[in-house]
N, C-alpha and C. Protein backbone atom coordinates (compact mmCIF):
# COMPACT_ATOMS: atom_id res chain seq x y z
N GLY A 1 0.81 -1.20 0.00
CA GLY A 1 0.00 0.00 0.00
C GLY A 1 0.85 1.26 0.00
N ILE A 2 0.18 2.39 -0.09
CA ILE A 2 0.85 3.68 -0.16
C ILE A 2 1.67 3.96 1.09
N ASN A 3 1.19 3.57 2.27
CA ASN A 3 1.93 3.82 3.50
C ASN A 3 3.27 3.10 3.50
N ALA A 4 3.32 1.91 2.94
CA ALA A 4 4.56 1.14 2.89
C ALA A 4 5.63 1.84 2.05
N GLU A 5 5.20 2.58 1.01
CA GLU A 5 6.13 3.31 0.16
C GLU A 5 6.90 4.37 0.93
N TYR A 6 6.29 4.92 1.96
CA TYR A 6 6.86 6.06 2.64
C TYR A 6 7.42 5.76 4.03
N GLY A 7 7.17 4.57 4.57
CA GLY A 7 7.72 4.20 5.87
C GLY A 7 7.07 4.94 7.02
N GLY A 8 7.64 4.81 8.22
CA GLY A 8 7.08 5.44 9.41
C GLY A 8 7.44 6.92 9.49
N LEU A 9 6.69 7.65 10.27
CA LEU A 9 6.91 9.09 10.40
C LEU A 9 8.02 9.36 11.42
N LYS A 10 9.26 9.32 10.95
CA LYS A 10 10.40 9.64 11.81
C LYS A 10 10.89 11.05 11.50
N MET A 11 10.97 11.38 10.23
CA MET A 11 11.36 12.72 9.81
C MET A 11 10.46 13.13 8.66
N ALA A 12 10.13 14.41 8.61
CA ALA A 12 9.26 14.89 7.53
C ALA A 12 9.86 14.58 6.17
N GLU A 13 11.20 14.65 6.07
CA GLU A 13 11.88 14.40 4.79
C GLU A 13 11.53 13.02 4.23
N GLU A 14 11.27 12.07 5.11
CA GLU A 14 10.93 10.71 4.66
C GLU A 14 9.62 10.67 3.90
N TYR A 15 8.82 11.72 4.04
CA TYR A 15 7.52 11.76 3.38
C TYR A 15 7.57 12.56 2.08
N VAL A 16 8.77 12.90 1.65
CA VAL A 16 8.94 13.66 0.41
C VAL A 16 9.73 12.82 -0.58
N LYS A 17 9.16 12.65 -1.78
CA LYS A 17 9.90 12.03 -2.88
C LYS A 17 10.40 13.17 -3.75
N ARG A 18 11.69 13.43 -3.69
CA ARG A 18 12.27 14.54 -4.45
C ARG A 18 12.24 14.26 -5.94
N ASN A 19 11.90 15.29 -6.72
CA ASN A 19 11.89 15.20 -8.19
C ASN A 19 11.05 14.04 -8.71
N LYS A 20 9.92 13.79 -8.05
CA LYS A 20 9.02 12.71 -8.48
C LYS A 20 8.50 12.98 -9.90
N PHE A 21 8.20 14.24 -10.20
CA PHE A 21 7.65 14.60 -11.51
C PHE A 21 8.60 15.55 -12.22
N PRO A 22 8.79 15.36 -13.55
CA PRO A 22 9.69 16.24 -14.31
C PRO A 22 9.10 17.64 -14.47
N LEU A 23 10.01 18.62 -14.58
CA LEU A 23 9.60 20.01 -14.80
C LEU A 23 9.58 20.33 -16.28
N PRO A 24 8.70 21.23 -16.75
CA PRO A 24 7.63 21.83 -15.96
C PRO A 24 6.55 20.81 -15.63
N ILE A 25 5.90 20.99 -14.50
CA ILE A 25 4.88 20.05 -14.04
C ILE A 25 3.68 20.09 -14.98
N GLN A 26 3.27 18.92 -15.42
CA GLN A 26 2.06 18.77 -16.24
C GLN A 26 0.96 18.18 -15.36
N ARG A 27 -0.06 18.97 -15.09
CA ARG A 27 -1.13 18.51 -14.19
C ARG A 27 -1.73 17.19 -14.64
N GLU A 28 -1.86 17.02 -15.95
CA GLU A 28 -2.47 15.79 -16.48
C GLU A 28 -1.63 14.56 -16.12
N GLU A 29 -0.30 14.71 -16.15
CA GLU A 29 0.59 13.59 -15.81
C GLU A 29 0.51 13.24 -14.33
N VAL A 30 0.47 14.28 -13.50
CA VAL A 30 0.33 14.06 -12.06
C VAL A 30 -1.01 13.37 -11.77
N ALA A 31 -2.08 13.89 -12.38
CA ALA A 31 -3.42 13.33 -12.17
C ALA A 31 -3.47 11.87 -12.59
N LYS A 32 -2.83 11.54 -13.71
CA LYS A 32 -2.81 10.15 -14.20
C LYS A 32 -2.09 9.24 -13.20
N ASP A 33 -0.93 9.68 -12.73
CA ASP A 33 -0.15 8.93 -11.75
C ASP A 33 -0.96 8.72 -10.47
N TRP A 34 -1.55 9.79 -9.97
CA TRP A 34 -2.30 9.71 -8.72
C TRP A 34 -3.55 8.87 -8.86
N LYS A 35 -4.24 8.98 -10.00
CA LYS A 35 -5.46 8.19 -10.20
C LYS A 35 -5.15 6.70 -10.12
N GLN A 36 -4.01 6.31 -10.70
CA GLN A 36 -3.60 4.89 -10.65
C GLN A 36 -3.35 4.44 -9.21
N ARG A 37 -3.06 5.38 -8.31
CA ARG A 37 -2.80 5.09 -6.91
C ARG A 37 -4.02 5.37 -6.02
N GLY A 38 -5.15 5.74 -6.66
CA GLY A 38 -6.39 5.93 -5.93
C GLY A 38 -6.63 7.32 -5.38
N PHE A 39 -5.89 8.32 -5.90
CA PHE A 39 -6.03 9.70 -5.43
C PHE A 39 -6.65 10.58 -6.51
N ASP A 40 -7.41 11.61 -6.08
CA ASP A 40 -7.87 12.63 -7.03
C ASP A 40 -6.77 13.69 -7.16
N CYS A 41 -7.03 14.75 -7.93
CA CYS A 41 -6.00 15.77 -8.18
C CYS A 41 -6.66 17.11 -8.40
N GLN A 42 -6.40 18.04 -7.48
CA GLN A 42 -6.97 19.39 -7.54
C GLN A 42 -5.85 20.42 -7.48
N LEU A 43 -6.12 21.62 -8.01
CA LEU A 43 -5.14 22.71 -7.99
C LEU A 43 -5.48 23.72 -6.90
N PHE A 44 -4.45 24.19 -6.20
CA PHE A 44 -4.62 25.26 -5.22
C PHE A 44 -3.61 26.34 -5.51
N VAL A 45 -3.98 27.60 -5.30
CA VAL A 45 -3.10 28.74 -5.55
C VAL A 45 -3.04 29.58 -4.27
N ASP A 46 -1.82 29.80 -3.78
CA ASP A 46 -1.63 30.57 -2.55
C ASP A 46 -0.78 31.81 -2.81
N PRO A 47 -1.19 32.97 -2.27
CA PRO A 47 -0.36 34.17 -2.36
C PRO A 47 0.83 34.05 -1.41
N PRO A 48 1.85 34.89 -1.56
CA PRO A 48 3.01 34.84 -0.67
C PRO A 48 2.59 34.97 0.80
N GLY A 49 3.23 34.14 1.64
CA GLY A 49 2.96 34.22 3.07
C GLY A 49 1.72 33.48 3.54
N ARG A 50 0.94 32.90 2.64
CA ARG A 50 -0.28 32.18 3.05
C ARG A 50 0.09 30.95 3.85
N GLU A 51 -0.54 30.80 5.01
CA GLU A 51 -0.32 29.63 5.86
C GLU A 51 -1.64 28.90 6.08
N TRP A 52 -1.55 27.59 6.12
CA TRP A 52 -2.67 26.73 6.50
C TRP A 52 -2.16 25.93 7.69
N LYS A 53 -2.76 26.14 8.85
CA LYS A 53 -2.20 25.58 10.08
C LYS A 53 -3.04 24.46 10.68
N ASN A 54 -2.33 23.42 11.12
CA ASN A 54 -2.88 22.37 11.99
C ASN A 54 -4.12 21.67 11.42
N PHE A 55 -3.91 21.05 10.27
CA PHE A 55 -4.97 20.26 9.63
C PHE A 55 -4.73 18.78 9.85
N THR A 56 -5.81 18.03 9.93
CA THR A 56 -5.76 16.58 9.82
C THR A 56 -6.90 16.18 8.89
N HIS A 57 -6.73 15.04 8.23
CA HIS A 57 -7.77 14.53 7.33
C HIS A 57 -8.03 13.06 7.65
N SER A 58 -9.20 12.59 7.29
CA SER A 58 -9.54 11.18 7.50
C SER A 58 -9.03 10.30 6.36
N THR A 59 -8.39 10.93 5.37
CA THR A 59 -7.81 10.20 4.24
C THR A 59 -6.35 10.60 4.09
N ASN A 60 -5.59 9.80 3.34
CA ASN A 60 -4.22 10.16 3.00
C ASN A 60 -4.26 11.29 1.97
N GLU A 61 -3.20 12.10 1.93
CA GLU A 61 -3.13 13.21 0.99
C GLU A 61 -1.78 13.20 0.27
N LEU A 62 -1.80 13.56 -1.01
CA LEU A 62 -0.58 13.79 -1.78
C LEU A 62 -0.55 15.26 -2.18
N VAL A 63 0.66 15.84 -2.22
CA VAL A 63 0.84 17.23 -2.65
C VAL A 63 2.06 17.29 -3.57
N THR A 64 1.94 18.03 -4.66
CA THR A 64 3.08 18.34 -5.53
C THR A 64 3.06 19.83 -5.84
N VAL A 65 4.18 20.50 -5.61
CA VAL A 65 4.29 21.92 -5.94
C VAL A 65 4.50 22.04 -7.46
N VAL A 66 3.70 22.89 -8.09
CA VAL A 66 3.81 23.15 -9.52
C VAL A 66 4.76 24.31 -9.77
N GLU A 67 4.60 25.37 -8.95
CA GLU A 67 5.37 26.60 -9.12
C GLU A 67 5.52 27.25 -7.75
N GLY A 68 6.74 27.64 -7.39
CA GLY A 68 6.97 28.29 -6.11
C GLY A 68 7.73 27.40 -5.15
N LYS A 69 7.48 27.59 -3.85
CA LYS A 69 8.17 26.84 -2.81
C LYS A 69 7.28 26.83 -1.58
N MET A 70 7.15 25.67 -0.94
CA MET A 70 6.32 25.56 0.25
C MET A 70 7.10 24.92 1.38
N GLU A 71 6.74 25.32 2.59
CA GLU A 71 7.26 24.67 3.78
C GLU A 71 6.13 23.86 4.38
N PHE A 72 6.38 22.58 4.61
CA PHE A 72 5.40 21.71 5.25
C PHE A 72 5.88 21.38 6.65
N THR A 73 4.95 21.31 7.57
CA THR A 73 5.24 20.81 8.91
C THR A 73 4.40 19.55 9.07
N LEU A 74 5.07 18.43 9.26
CA LEU A 74 4.41 17.13 9.42
C LEU A 74 4.82 16.55 10.76
N GLY A 75 3.85 16.31 11.63
CA GLY A 75 4.17 15.76 12.93
C GLY A 75 5.19 16.59 13.69
N GLY A 76 5.15 17.92 13.51
CA GLY A 76 6.04 18.81 14.21
C GLY A 76 7.40 19.03 13.55
N LYS A 77 7.65 18.37 12.41
CA LYS A 77 8.94 18.51 11.73
C LYS A 77 8.75 19.24 10.40
N LYS A 78 9.67 20.18 10.10
CA LYS A 78 9.53 21.02 8.91
C LYS A 78 10.39 20.51 7.76
N VAL A 79 9.87 20.73 6.54
CA VAL A 79 10.60 20.37 5.33
C VAL A 79 10.20 21.33 4.22
N LEU A 80 11.19 21.75 3.40
CA LEU A 80 10.91 22.60 2.24
C LEU A 80 10.62 21.72 1.03
N VAL A 81 9.64 22.13 0.24
CA VAL A 81 9.21 21.36 -0.92
C VAL A 81 9.24 22.26 -2.15
N TRP A 82 9.82 21.74 -3.22
CA TRP A 82 10.04 22.47 -4.46
C TRP A 82 9.22 21.86 -5.59
N PRO A 83 9.10 22.55 -6.72
CA PRO A 83 8.37 21.99 -7.86
C PRO A 83 8.92 20.61 -8.25
N GLY A 84 7.99 19.69 -8.46
CA GLY A 84 8.35 18.32 -8.85
C GLY A 84 8.42 17.35 -7.70
N ASP A 85 8.56 17.87 -6.47
CA ASP A 85 8.59 16.99 -5.30
C ASP A 85 7.17 16.55 -4.97
N GLU A 86 7.04 15.35 -4.41
CA GLU A 86 5.74 14.86 -3.98
C GLU A 86 5.78 14.61 -2.48
N VAL A 87 4.77 15.12 -1.78
CA VAL A 87 4.65 14.92 -0.33
C VAL A 87 3.50 13.97 -0.07
N PHE A 88 3.75 12.99 0.78
CA PHE A 88 2.69 12.08 1.25
C PHE A 88 2.36 12.46 2.68
N ILE A 89 1.09 12.78 2.93
CA ILE A 89 0.64 13.14 4.28
C ILE A 89 -0.34 12.05 4.74
N PRO A 90 0.09 11.20 5.67
CA PRO A 90 -0.79 10.12 6.12
C PRO A 90 -2.04 10.65 6.81
N LYS A 91 -3.13 9.89 6.71
CA LYS A 91 -4.36 10.30 7.38
C LYS A 91 -4.11 10.46 8.87
N GLN A 92 -4.79 11.45 9.44
CA GLN A 92 -4.75 11.77 10.86
C GLN A 92 -3.43 12.38 11.35
N VAL A 93 -2.46 12.65 10.44
CA VAL A 93 -1.22 13.31 10.85
C VAL A 93 -1.43 14.82 10.81
N LEU A 94 -1.14 15.49 11.93
CA LEU A 94 -1.27 16.94 12.02
C LEU A 94 -0.26 17.58 11.08
N HIS A 95 -0.72 18.48 10.22
CA HIS A 95 0.18 19.13 9.26
C HIS A 95 -0.23 20.57 8.98
N SER A 96 0.77 21.35 8.58
CA SER A 96 0.58 22.75 8.22
C SER A 96 1.40 23.03 6.96
N THR A 97 0.99 24.06 6.22
CA THR A 97 1.75 24.49 5.05
C THR A 97 1.93 26.00 5.10
N ASN A 98 3.00 26.45 4.46
CA ASN A 98 3.29 27.87 4.40
C ASN A 98 3.93 28.16 3.04
N ASN A 99 3.37 29.12 2.30
CA ASN A 99 3.99 29.55 1.05
C ASN A 99 5.16 30.46 1.40
N VAL A 100 6.37 29.91 1.33
CA VAL A 100 7.57 30.68 1.67
C VAL A 100 8.23 31.28 0.43
N HIS A 101 7.56 31.17 -0.72
CA HIS A 101 8.04 31.75 -1.97
C HIS A 101 7.72 33.25 -1.96
N ASP A 102 8.49 34.04 -2.71
CA ASP A 102 8.26 35.49 -2.73
C ASP A 102 7.15 35.90 -3.69
N SER A 103 6.50 34.92 -4.31
CA SER A 103 5.33 35.21 -5.14
C SER A 103 4.35 34.04 -5.00
N THR A 104 3.38 33.99 -5.90
CA THR A 104 2.34 32.97 -5.84
C THR A 104 2.92 31.57 -5.95
N THR A 105 2.38 30.67 -5.14
CA THR A 105 2.72 29.25 -5.25
C THR A 105 1.48 28.50 -5.72
N ARG A 106 1.69 27.66 -6.73
CA ARG A 106 0.61 26.81 -7.25
C ARG A 106 0.97 25.37 -6.89
N TRP A 107 0.00 24.64 -6.35
CA TRP A 107 0.27 23.26 -5.95
C TRP A 107 -0.94 22.37 -6.19
N LEU A 108 -0.63 21.11 -6.44
CA LEU A 108 -1.67 20.10 -6.66
C LEU A 108 -1.80 19.27 -5.38
N TYR A 109 -3.03 18.88 -5.08
CA TYR A 109 -3.26 18.03 -3.92
C TYR A 109 -4.33 17.01 -4.27
N GLY A 110 -4.30 15.88 -3.60
CA GLY A 110 -5.31 14.85 -3.83
C GLY A 110 -5.48 13.99 -2.61
N TYR A 111 -6.68 13.41 -2.48
CA TYR A 111 -7.02 12.52 -1.37
C TYR A 111 -7.40 11.16 -1.90
N ASP A 112 -7.14 10.13 -1.11
CA ASP A 112 -7.54 8.78 -1.53
C ASP A 112 -8.86 8.37 -0.92
């Protein structure tokens, strides 16, 4: 299953697959990959400095940055995420995001 791909939550970095998708990011390619793994794929756009704090979900979540740079906090540990990286956020894990880019960040997210 998807959880086995990412291992236990020891460090936030373990939940990031660096350069999972080639640049420039093609939403259709991400959506195709995620659909095969049981996830949907939606686009979100955040202005500079936008933070989303202390979320949990009843489903697993995947995130890929399309443009910009984001900081994720997973289980209290921080990690920077760049375009092409994929983040796996296990269900019920407390997480926050912050657009640390100096302009708009566009990112894809999906739930299983």
